[in-house]
Amino acid sequence: MTCYVWRILQAYDDTEEGRKVCTYYKLTNMPTVLILDPITGQKMRAWEGMIGAERLLEVMFIWEEGK
Protein backbone atom coordinates (compact mmCIF):
# COMPACT_ATOMS: atom_id res chain seq x y z
CA MET A 1 0.00 0.00 0.00
CA THR A 2 1.28 3.45 -0.92
CA CYS A 3 0.59 6.40 1.33
CA TYR A 4 0.74 9.94 -0.01
CA VAL A 5 1.18 12.97 2.21
CA TRP A 6 0.24 16.32 0.73
CA ARG A 7 1.71 19.50 2.14
CA ILE A 8 0.33 22.77 0.89
CA LEU A 9 2.68 25.74 0.94
CA GLN A 10 1.89 29.20 -0.34
CA ALA A 11 4.84 31.49 -0.95
CA TYR A 12 4.64 34.87 -2.64
CA ASP A 13 7.29 35.50 -5.28
CA ASP A 14 8.20 38.85 -3.72
CA THR A 15 9.30 37.27 -0.41
CA GLU A 16 12.68 35.72 0.36
CA GLU A 17 11.19 32.22 0.56
CA GLY A 18 9.24 32.73 -2.66
CA ARG A 19 12.31 33.99 -4.53
CA LYS A 20 14.27 30.93 -3.37
CA VAL A 21 11.55 28.59 -4.65
CA CYS A 22 11.30 30.47 -7.98
CA THR A 23 15.06 30.41 -8.45
CA TYR A 24 15.55 26.78 -7.46
CA TYR A 25 12.72 25.43 -9.65
CA LYS A 26 13.26 28.03 -12.42
CA LEU A 27 9.70 29.34 -12.20
CA THR A 28 8.80 32.25 -14.45
CA ASN A 29 4.99 32.35 -14.46
CA MET A 30 2.86 32.85 -11.37
CA PRO A 31 0.92 31.31 -9.85
CA THR A 32 2.48 27.87 -10.14
CA VAL A 33 1.44 24.68 -8.37
CA LEU A 34 4.23 22.16 -7.80
CA ILE A 35 4.23 18.54 -6.71
CA LEU A 36 7.58 17.81 -5.11
CA ASP A 37 9.15 14.57 -3.97
CA PRO A 38 9.10 14.88 -0.15
CA ILE A 39 12.48 13.19 0.24
CA THR A 40 14.55 14.62 -2.61
CA GLY A 41 12.69 17.87 -3.31
CA GLN A 42 12.64 16.96 -7.02
CA LYS A 43 9.88 18.61 -9.03
CA MET A 44 7.53 15.82 -10.06
CA ARG A 45 4.86 17.94 -11.76
CA ALA A 46 4.01 21.61 -12.24
CA TRP A 47 0.96 23.57 -13.36
CA GLU A 48 1.14 27.26 -14.25
CA GLY A 49 -1.73 29.70 -13.91
CA MET A 50 -4.80 29.77 -11.73
CA ILE A 51 -6.28 26.43 -10.76
CA GLY A 52 -9.61 26.31 -8.96
CA ALA A 53 -9.92 24.17 -5.84
CA GLU A 54 -12.02 21.48 -7.52
CA ARG A 55 -9.69 21.26 -10.52
CA LEU A 56 -6.66 21.07 -8.22
CA LEU A 57 -8.16 18.11 -6.40
CA GLU A 58 -8.96 16.46 -9.72
CA VAL A 59 -5.42 16.80 -11.09
CA MET A 60 -3.91 15.67 -7.80
CA PHE A 61 -6.14 12.59 -7.78
CA ILE A 62 -5.39 11.82 -11.45
CA TRP A 63 -1.65 12.31 -10.84
CA GLU A 64 -1.73 10.06 -7.77
CA GLU A 65 -3.65 7.34 -9.62
CA GLY A 66 -1.20 7.45 -12.52
CA LYS A 67 1.86 6.80 -10.37
C-alpha atoms as a PDB file:
ATOM      1  CA  MET A   1       0.000   0.000   0.000  1.00  0.00           C
ATOM      2  CA  THR A   2       1.281   3.446  -0.918  1.00  0.00           C
ATOM      3  CA  CYS A   3       0.594   6.403   1.327  1.00  0.00           C
ATOM      4  CA  TYR A   4       0.741   9.940  -0.009  1.00  0.00           C
ATOM      5  CA  VAL A   5       1.183  12.966   2.206  1.00  0.00           C
ATOM      6  CA  TRP A   6       0.241  16.318   0.725  1.00  0.00           C
ATOM      7  CA  ARG A   7       1.709  19.497   2.145  1.00  0.00           C
ATOM      8  CA  ILE A   8       0.334  22.766   0.890  1.00  0.00           C
ATOM      9  CA  LEU A   9       2.677  25.738   0.935  1.00  0.00           C
ATOM     10  CA  GLN A  10       1.894  29.196  -0.339  1.00  0.00           C
ATOM     11  CA  ALA A  11       4.835  31.492  -0.951  1.00  0.00           C
ATOM     12  CA  TYR A  12       4.643  34.869  -2.638  1.00  0.00           C
ATOM     13  CA  ASP A  13       7.294  35.496  -5.282  1.00  0.00           C
ATOM     14  CA  ASP A  14       8.201  38.848  -3.719  1.00  0.00           C
ATOM     15  CA  THR A  15       9.304  37.269  -0.414  1.00  0.00           C
ATOM     16  CA  GLU A  16      12.680  35.722   0.365  1.00  0.00           C
ATOM     17  CA  GLU A  17      11.194  32.222   0.558  1.00  0.00           C
ATOM     18  CA  GLY A  18       9.237  32.727  -2.661  1.00  0.00           C
ATOM     19  CA  ARG A  19      12.307  33.987  -4.527  1.00  0.00           C
ATOM     20  CA  LYS A  20      14.271  30.934  -3.367  1.00  0.00           C
ATOM     21  CA  VAL A  21      11.553  28.593  -4.655  1.00  0.00           C
ATOM     22  CA  CYS A  22      11.296  30.472  -7.980  1.00  0.00           C
ATOM     23  CA  THR A  23      15.062  30.415  -8.453  1.00  0.00           C
ATOM     24  CA  TYR A  24      15.553  26.780  -7.461  1.00  0.00           C
ATOM     25  CA  TYR A  25      12.722  25.434  -9.651  1.00  0.00           C
ATOM     26  CA  LYS A  26      13.258  28.029 -12.423  1.00  0.00           C
ATOM     27  CA  LEU A  27       9.696  29.337 -12.200  1.00  0.00           C
ATOM     28  CA  THR A  28       8.802  32.252 -14.447  1.00  0.00           C
ATOM     29  CA  ASN A  29       4.993  32.348 -14.459  1.00  0.00           C
ATOM     30  CA  MET A  30       2.863  32.853 -11.374  1.00  0.00           C
ATOM     31  CA  PRO A  31       0.921  31.314  -9.852  1.00  0.00           C
ATOM     32  CA  THR A  32       2.484  27.866 -10.142  1.00  0.00           C
ATOM     33  CA  VAL A  33       1.437  24.679  -8.374  1.00  0.00           C
ATOM     34  CA  LEU A  34       4.228  22.157  -7.796  1.00  0.00           C
ATOM     35  CA  ILE A  35       4.227  18.538  -6.712  1.00  0.00           C
ATOM     36  CA  LEU A  36       7.584  17.807  -5.111  1.00  0.00           C
ATOM     37  CA  ASP A  37       9.149  14.570  -3.966  1.00  0.00           C
ATOM     38  CA  PRO A  38       9.100  14.884  -0.149  1.00  0.00           C
ATOM     39  CA  ILE A  39      12.482  13.194   0.239  1.00  0.00           C
ATOM     40  CA  THR A  40      14.553  14.620  -2.606  1.00  0.00           C
ATOM     41  CA  GLY A  41      12.691  17.871  -3.307  1.00  0.00           C
ATOM     42  CA  GLN A  42      12.644  16.958  -7.015  1.00  0.00           C
ATOM     43  CA  LYS A  43       9.882  18.612  -9.034  1.00  0.00           C
ATOM     44  CA  MET A  44       7.532  15.821 -10.065  1.00  0.00           C
ATOM     45  CA  ARG A  45       4.862  17.944 -11.761  1.00  0.00           C
ATOM     46  CA  ALA A  46       4.007  21.611 -12.240  1.00  0.00           C
ATOM     47  CA  TRP A  47       0.959  23.570 -13.362  1.00  0.00           C
ATOM     48  CA  GLU A  48       1.136  27.257 -14.249  1.00  0.00           C
ATOM     49  CA  GLY A  49      -1.735  29.704 -13.907  1.00  0.00           C
ATOM     50  CA  MET A  50      -4.799  29.773 -11.729  1.00  0.00           C
ATOM     51  CA  ILE A  51      -6.284  26.433 -10.761  1.00  0.00           C
ATOM     52  CA  GLY A  52      -9.614  26.313  -8.956  1.00  0.00           C
ATOM     53  CA  ALA A  53      -9.919  24.167  -5.843  1.00  0.00           C
ATOM     54  CA  GLU A  54     -12.025  21.484  -7.522  1.00  0.00           C
ATOM     55  CA  ARG A  55      -9.689  21.263 -10.519  1.00  0.00           C
ATOM     56  CA  LEU A  56      -6.657  21.074  -8.220  1.00  0.00           C
ATOM     57  CA  LEU A  57      -8.163  18.110  -6.396  1.00  0.00           C
ATOM     58  CA  GLU A  58      -8.955  16.455  -9.723  1.00  0.00           C
ATOM     59  CA  VAL A  59      -5.423  16.800 -11.086  1.00  0.00           C
ATOM     60  CA  MET A  60      -3.907  15.675  -7.797  1.00  0.00           C
ATOM     61  CA  PHE A  61      -6.143  12.592  -7.783  1.00  0.00           C
ATOM     62  CA  ILE A  62      -5.393  11.819 -11.446  1.00  0.00           C
ATOM     63  CA  TRP A  63      -1.653  12.305 -10.838  1.00  0.00           C
ATOM     64  CA  GLU A  64      -1.728  10.063  -7.773  1.00  0.00           C
ATOM     65  CA  GLU A  65      -3.646   7.339  -9.615  1.00  0.00           C
ATOM     66  CA  GLY A  66      -1.202   7.452 -12.521  1.00  0.00           C
ATOM     67  CA  LYS A  67       1.858   6.796 -10.373  1.00  0.00           C
END
